[in-house]
């Protein structure tokens, strides 16, 4: 049995709270390629993979 939790999708509000970024900063970093891109999960709905956000946060700690 695996002890890892399954990867889940985070909506914008959750990503902003988790990272401490403002919306404009998040989208600027995405344009620059320094933050993971979102995934379309429905016609008018996007989200980020929790694992991608966690990996980005871990990388920021090392800077």
PDB file of N, CA and C in Angstrom:
ATOM      1  N   UNK A   1       0.841  -1.181   0.000  1.00  0.00           N
ATOM      2  CA  UNK A   1       0.000   0.000   0.000  1.00  0.00           C
ATOM      3  C   UNK A   1       0.887   1.246   0.000  1.00  0.00           C
ATOM      4  N   UNK A   2       0.581   2.198  -0.848  1.00  0.00           N
ATOM      5  CA  UNK A   2       1.375   3.416  -0.987  1.00  0.00           C
ATOM      6  C   UNK A   2       0.989   4.433   0.086  1.00  0.00           C
ATOM      7  N   UNK A   3       1.996   5.132   0.606  1.00  0.00           N
ATOM      8  CA  UNK A   3       1.728   6.159   1.605  1.00  0.00           C
ATOM      9  C   UNK A   3       1.599   7.540   0.981  1.00  0.00           C
ATOM     10  N   UNK A   4       1.862   7.651  -0.334  1.00  0.00           N
ATOM     11  CA  UNK A   4       1.740   8.939  -1.019  1.00  0.00           C
ATOM     12  C   UNK A   4       0.279   9.290  -1.228  1.00  0.00           C
ATOM     13  N   UNK A   5      -0.049  10.567  -1.039  1.00  0.00           N
ATOM     14  CA  UNK A   5      -1.404  11.002  -1.323  1.00  0.00           C
ATOM     15  C   UNK A   5      -1.530  11.226  -2.824  1.00  0.00           C
ATOM     16  N   UNK A   6      -2.694  10.986  -3.378  1.00  0.00           N
ATOM     17  CA  UNK A   6      -2.868  11.188  -4.817  1.00  0.00           C
ATOM     18  C   UNK A   6      -2.736  12.655  -5.187  1.00  0.00           C
ATOM     19  N   UNK A   7      -2.206  12.899  -6.385  1.00  0.00           N
ATOM     20  CA  UNK A   7      -2.085  14.274  -6.866  1.00  0.00           C
ATOM     21  C   UNK A   7      -3.487  14.828  -7.072  1.00  0.00           C
ATOM     22  N   UNK A   8      -3.675  16.073  -6.716  1.00  0.00           N
ATOM     23  CA  UNK A   8      -4.990  16.690  -6.895  1.00  0.00           C
ATOM     24  C   UNK A   8      -4.829  18.031  -7.573  1.00  0.00           C
ATOM     25  N   UNK A   9      -5.930  18.585  -8.023  1.00  0.00           N
ATOM     26  CA  UNK A   9      -5.919  19.885  -8.666  1.00  0.00           C
ATOM     27  C   UNK A   9      -6.242  20.975  -7.656  1.00  0.00           C
ATOM     28  N   UNK A  10      -5.543  22.104  -7.790  1.00  0.00           N
ATOM     29  CA  UNK A  10      -5.783  23.274  -6.947  1.00  0.00           C
ATOM     30  C   UNK A  10      -6.352  24.392  -7.808  1.00  0.00           C
ATOM     31  N   UNK A  11      -7.384  25.030  -7.323  1.00  0.00           N
ATOM     32  CA  UNK A  11      -7.953  26.174  -8.019  1.00  0.00           C
ATOM     33  C   UNK A  11      -7.137  27.416  -7.680  1.00  0.00           C
ATOM     34  N   UNK A  12      -7.371  28.497  -8.393  1.00  0.00           N
ATOM     35  CA  UNK A  12      -6.587  29.725  -8.264  1.00  0.00           C
ATOM     36  C   UNK A  12      -6.499  30.204  -6.816  1.00  0.00           C
ATOM     37  N   UNK A  13      -7.615  30.286  -6.121  1.00  0.00           N
ATOM     38  CA  UNK A  13      -7.602  30.785  -4.738  1.00  0.00           C
ATOM     39  C   UNK A  13      -6.685  29.941  -3.857  1.00  0.00           C
ATOM     40  N   UNK A  14      -6.705  28.626  -4.039  1.00  0.00           N
ATOM     41  CA  UNK A  14      -5.854  27.745  -3.248  1.00  0.00           C
ATOM     42  C   UNK A  14      -4.382  27.961  -3.566  1.00  0.00           C
ATOM     43  N   UNK A  15      -4.069  28.155  -4.840  1.00  0.00           N
ATOM     44  CA  UNK A  15      -2.680  28.392  -5.254  1.00  0.00           C
ATOM     45  C   UNK A  15      -2.179  29.707  -4.665  1.00  0.00           C
ATOM     46  N   UNK A  16      -3.004  30.735  -4.698  1.00  0.00           N
ATOM     47  CA  UNK A  16      -2.603  32.037  -4.160  1.00  0.00           C
ATOM     48  C   UNK A  16      -2.353  31.961  -2.652  1.00  0.00           C
ATOM     49  N   UNK A  17      -3.209  31.269  -1.928  1.00  0.00           N
ATOM     50  CA  UNK A  17      -3.025  31.119  -0.482  1.00  0.00           C
ATOM     51  C   UNK A  17      -1.770  30.304  -0.200  1.00  0.00           C
ATOM     52  N   UNK A  18      -1.607  29.198  -0.906  1.00  0.00           N
ATOM     53  CA  UNK A  18      -0.468  28.311  -0.652  1.00  0.00           C
ATOM     54  C   UNK A  18       0.864  28.981  -0.956  1.00  0.00           C
ATOM     55  N   UNK A  19       0.935  29.762  -2.045  1.00  0.00           N
ATOM     56  CA  UNK A  19       2.210  30.353  -2.457  1.00  0.00           C
ATOM     57  C   UNK A  19       2.443  31.734  -1.857  1.00  0.00           C
ATOM     58  N   UNK A  20       1.375  32.422  -1.468  1.00  0.00           N
ATOM     59  CA  UNK A  20       1.515  33.785  -0.972  1.00  0.00           C
ATOM     60  C   UNK A  20       1.668  34.800  -2.087  1.00  0.00           C
ATOM     61  N   UNK A  21       1.482  34.382  -3.335  1.00  0.00           N
ATOM     62  CA  UNK A  21       1.600  35.294  -4.473  1.00  0.00           C
ATOM     63  C   UNK A  21       0.286  36.027  -4.712  1.00  0.00           C
ATOM     64  N   UNK A  22       0.379  37.180  -5.334  1.00  0.00           N
ATOM     65  CA  UNK A  22      -0.805  37.889  -5.815  1.00  0.00           C
ATOM     66  C   UNK A  22      -1.138  37.341  -7.190  1.00  0.00           C
ATOM     67  N   UNK A  23      -2.385  37.522  -7.621  1.00  0.00           N
ATOM     68  CA  UNK A  23      -2.836  37.004  -8.911  1.00  0.00           C
ATOM     69  C   UNK A  23      -1.972  37.520 -10.061  1.00  0.00           C
ATOM     70  N   UNK A  24      -1.693  38.819 -10.073  1.00  0.00           N
ATOM     71  CA  UNK A  24      -0.911  39.396 -11.170  1.00  0.00           C
ATOM     72  C   UNK A  24       0.510  38.828 -11.198  1.00  0.00           C
ATOM     73  N   UNK A  25       1.090  38.616 -10.023  1.00  0.00           N
ATOM     74  CA  UNK A  25       2.443  38.048  -9.952  1.00  0.00           C
ATOM     75  C   UNK A  25       2.444  36.609 -10.448  1.00  0.00           C
ATOM     76  N   UNK A  26       1.436  35.854 -10.072  1.00  0.00           N
ATOM     77  CA  UNK A  26       1.326  34.461 -10.515  1.00  0.00           C
ATOM     78  C   UNK A  26       1.281  34.382 -12.044  1.00  0.00           C
ATOM     79  N   UNK A  27       0.411  35.179 -12.656  1.00  0.00           N
ATOM     80  CA  UNK A  27       0.286  35.137 -14.114  1.00  0.00           C
ATOM     81  C   UNK A  27       1.528  35.690 -14.814  1.00  0.00           C
ATOM     82  N   UNK A  28       2.182  36.664 -14.209  1.00  0.00           N
ATOM     83  CA  UNK A  28       3.438  37.165 -14.782  1.00  0.00           C
ATOM     84  C   UNK A  28       4.486  36.067 -14.762  1.00  0.00           C
ATOM     85  N   UNK A  29       4.602  35.361 -13.652  1.00  0.00           N
ATOM     86  CA  UNK A  29       5.569  34.269 -13.547  1.00  0.00           C
ATOM     87  C   UNK A  29       5.242  33.152 -14.543  1.00  0.00           C
ATOM     88  N   UNK A  30       3.977  32.903 -14.786  1.00  0.00           N
ATOM     89  CA  UNK A  30       3.594  31.895 -15.788  1.00  0.00           C
ATOM     90  C   UNK A  30       4.036  32.345 -17.183  1.00  0.00           C
ATOM     91  N   UNK A  31       3.829  33.628 -17.504  1.00  0.00           N
ATOM     92  CA  UNK A  31       4.252  34.144 -18.812  1.00  0.00           C
ATOM     93  C   UNK A  31       5.757  34.026 -18.976  1.00  0.00           C
ATOM     94  N   UNK A  32       6.497  34.284 -17.898  1.00  0.00           N
ATOM     95  CA  UNK A  32       7.961  34.209 -17.929  1.00  0.00           C
ATOM     96  C   UNK A  32       8.459  32.770 -17.941  1.00  0.00           C
ATOM     97  N   UNK A  33       7.574  31.825 -17.641  1.00  0.00           N
ATOM     98  CA  UNK A  33       7.967  30.423 -17.600  1.00  0.00           C
ATOM     99  C   UNK A  33       8.568  30.000 -16.272  1.00  0.00           C
ATOM    100  N   UNK A  34       8.411  30.819 -15.230  1.00  0.00           N
ATOM    101  CA  UNK A  34       8.990  30.485 -13.934  1.00  0.00           C
ATOM    102  C   UNK A  34       7.969  29.942 -12.935  1.00  0.00           C
ATOM    103  N   UNK A  35       6.748  29.702 -13.381  1.00  0.00           N
ATOM    104  CA  UNK A  35       5.731  29.067 -12.546  1.00  0.00           C
ATOM    105  C   UNK A  35       4.976  28.074 -13.423  1.00  0.00           C
ATOM    106  N   UNK A  36       4.586  26.930 -12.863  1.00  0.00           N
ATOM    107  CA  UNK A  36       3.881  25.917 -13.676  1.00  0.00           C
ATOM    108  C   UNK A  36       2.605  26.462 -14.317  1.00  0.00           C
ATOM    109  N   UNK A  37       2.343  26.009 -15.519  1.00  0.00           N
ATOM    110  CA  UNK A  37       1.125  26.405 -16.226  1.00  0.00           C
ATOM    111  C   UNK A  37      -0.068  25.657 -15.652  1.00  0.00           C
ATOM    112  N   UNK A  38      -1.223  26.249 -15.797  1.00  0.00           N
ATOM    113  CA  UNK A  38      -2.445  25.605 -15.336  1.00  0.00           C
ATOM    114  C   UNK A  38      -2.926  24.583 -16.364  1.00  0.00           C
ATOM    115  N   UNK A  39      -3.829  23.714 -15.948  1.00  0.00           N
ATOM    116  CA  UNK A  39      -4.417  22.695 -16.812  1.00  0.00           C
ATOM    117  C   UNK A  39      -5.903  22.979 -16.933  1.00  0.00           C
ATOM    118  N   UNK A  40      -6.435  22.830 -18.129  1.00  0.00           N
ATOM    119  CA  UNK A  40      -7.874  23.004 -18.334  1.00  0.00           C
ATOM    120  C   UNK A  40      -8.556  21.719 -17.865  1.00  0.00           C
ATOM    121  N   UNK A  41      -9.443  21.842 -16.879  1.00  0.00           N
ATOM    122  CA  UNK A  41     -10.134  20.668 -16.360  1.00  0.00           C
ATOM    123  C   UNK A  41     -11.610  20.642 -16.751  1.00  0.00           C
ATOM    124  N   UNK A  42     -12.081  21.729 -17.324  1.00  0.00           N
ATOM    125  CA  UNK A  42     -13.436  21.816 -17.873  1.00  0.00           C
ATOM    126  C   UNK A  42     -13.431  22.979 -18.858  1.00  0.00           C
ATOM    127  N   UNK A  43     -14.531  23.185 -19.540  1.00  0.00           N
ATOM    128  CA  UNK A  43     -14.588  24.220 -20.565  1.00  0.00           C
ATOM    129  C   UNK A  43     -14.184  25.595 -20.025  1.00  0.00           C
ATOM    130  N   UNK A  44     -14.669  25.946 -18.855  1.00  0.00           N
ATOM    131  CA  UNK A  44     -14.354  27.261 -18.281  1.00  0.00           C
ATOM    132  C   UNK A  44     -13.701  27.134 -16.910  1.00  0.00           C
ATOM    133  N   UNK A  45     -12.853  26.130 -16.767  1.00  0.00           N
ATOM    134  CA  UNK A  45     -12.263  25.863 -15.457  1.00  0.00           C
ATOM    135  C   UNK A  45     -10.815  25.408 -15.620  1.00  0.00           C
ATOM    136  N   UNK A  46      -9.904  26.088 -14.929  1.00  0.00           N
ATOM    137  CA  UNK A  46      -8.499  25.694 -14.948  1.00  0.00           C
ATOM    138  C   UNK A  46      -8.029  25.463 -13.517  1.00  0.00           C
ATOM    139  N   UNK A  47      -6.970  24.663 -13.397  1.00  0.00           N
ATOM    140  CA  UNK A  47      -6.411  24.371 -12.076  1.00  0.00           C
ATOM    141  C   UNK A  47      -4.958  23.967 -12.257  1.00  0.00           C
ATOM    142  N   UNK A  48      -4.237  23.952 -11.150  1.00  0.00           N
ATOM    143  CA  UNK A  48      -2.821  23.570 -11.144  1.00  0.00           C
ATOM    144  C   UNK A  48      -2.691  22.247 -10.410  1.00  0.00           C
ATOM    145  N   UNK A  49      -1.746  21.421 -10.837  1.00  0.00           N
ATOM    146  CA  UNK A  49      -1.476  20.177 -10.122  1.00  0.00           C
ATOM    147  C   UNK A  49      -0.784  20.515  -8.806  1.00  0.00           C
ATOM    148  N   UNK A  50      -1.259  19.921  -7.743  1.00  0.00           N
ATOM    149  CA  UNK A  50      -0.675  20.134  -6.421  1.00  0.00           C
ATOM    150  C   UNK A  50       0.812  19.788  -6.440  1.00  0.00           C
ATOM    151  N   UNK A  51       1.177  18.720  -7.118  1.00  0.00           N
ATOM    152  CA  UNK A  51       2.589  18.304  -7.157  1.00  0.00           C
ATOM    153  C   UNK A  51       3.459  19.346  -7.859  1.00  0.00           C
ATOM    154  N   UNK A  52       2.938  19.990  -8.909  1.00  0.00           N
ATOM    155  CA  UNK A  52       3.693  21.031  -9.610  1.00  0.00           C
ATOM    156  C   UNK A  52       3.924  22.245  -8.714  1.00  0.00           C
ATOM    157  N   UNK A  53       2.888  22.616  -7.961  1.00  0.00           N
ATOM    158  CA  UNK A  53       2.994  23.776  -7.064  1.00  0.00           C
ATOM    159  C   UNK A  53       3.970  23.460  -5.929  1.00  0.00           C
ATOM    160  N   UNK A  54       3.876  22.252  -5.360  1.00  0.00           N
ATOM    161  CA  UNK A  54       4.798  21.862  -4.286  1.00  0.00           C
ATOM    162  C   UNK A  54       6.236  21.845  -4.780  1.00  0.00           C
ATOM    163  N   UNK A  55       6.447  21.327  -5.993  1.00  0.00           N
ATOM    164  CA  UNK A  55       7.799  21.283  -6.563  1.00  0.00           C
ATOM    165  C   UNK A  55       8.337  22.707  -6.746  1.00  0.00           C
ATOM    166  N   UNK A  56       7.513  23.615  -7.260  1.00  0.00           N
ATOM    167  CA  UNK A  56       7.931  25.008  -7.447  1.00  0.00           C
ATOM    168  C   UNK A  56       8.301  25.625  -6.103  1.00  0.00           C
ATOM    169  N   UNK A  57       7.485  25.373  -5.071  1.00  0.00           N
ATOM    170  CA  UNK A  57       7.763  25.933  -3.752  1.00  0.00           C
ATOM    171  C   UNK A  57       9.079  25.382  -3.190  1.00  0.00           C
ATOM    172  N   UNK A  58       9.331  24.104  -3.385  1.00  0.00           N
ATOM    173  CA  UNK A  58      10.602  23.508  -2.929  1.00  0.00           C
ATOM    174  C   UNK A  58      11.794  24.156  -3.638  1.00  0.00           C
ATOM    175  N   UNK A  59      11.643  24.433  -4.937  1.00  0.00           N
ATOM    176  CA  UNK A  59      12.709  25.066  -5.696  1.00  0.00           C
ATOM    177  C   UNK A  59      12.972  26.488  -5.189  1.00  0.00           C
ATOM    178  N   UNK A  60      11.940  27.191  -4.763  1.00  0.00           N
ATOM    179  CA  UNK A  60      12.094  28.553  -4.269  1.00  0.00           C
ATOM    180  C   UNK A  60      12.866  28.582  -2.955  1.00  0.00           C
ATOM    181  N   UNK A  61      12.725  27.539  -2.164  1.00  0.00           N
ATOM    182  CA  UNK A  61      13.456  27.454  -0.894  1.00  0.00           C
ATOM    183  C   UNK A  61      14.951  27.381  -1.132  1.00  0.00           C
ATOM    184  N   UNK A  62      15.343  26.776  -2.247  1.00  0.00           N
ATOM    185  CA  UNK A  62      16.776  26.581  -2.553  1.00  0.00           C
ATOM    186  C   UNK A  62      17.434  27.819  -3.152  1.00  0.00           C
ATOM    187  N   UNK A  63      16.650  28.816  -3.519  1.00  0.00           N
ATOM    188  CA  UNK A  63      17.240  30.019  -4.131  1.00  0.00           C
ATOM    189  C   UNK A  63      17.862  30.933  -3.125  1.00  0.00           C
TER     190      UNK A  63
END
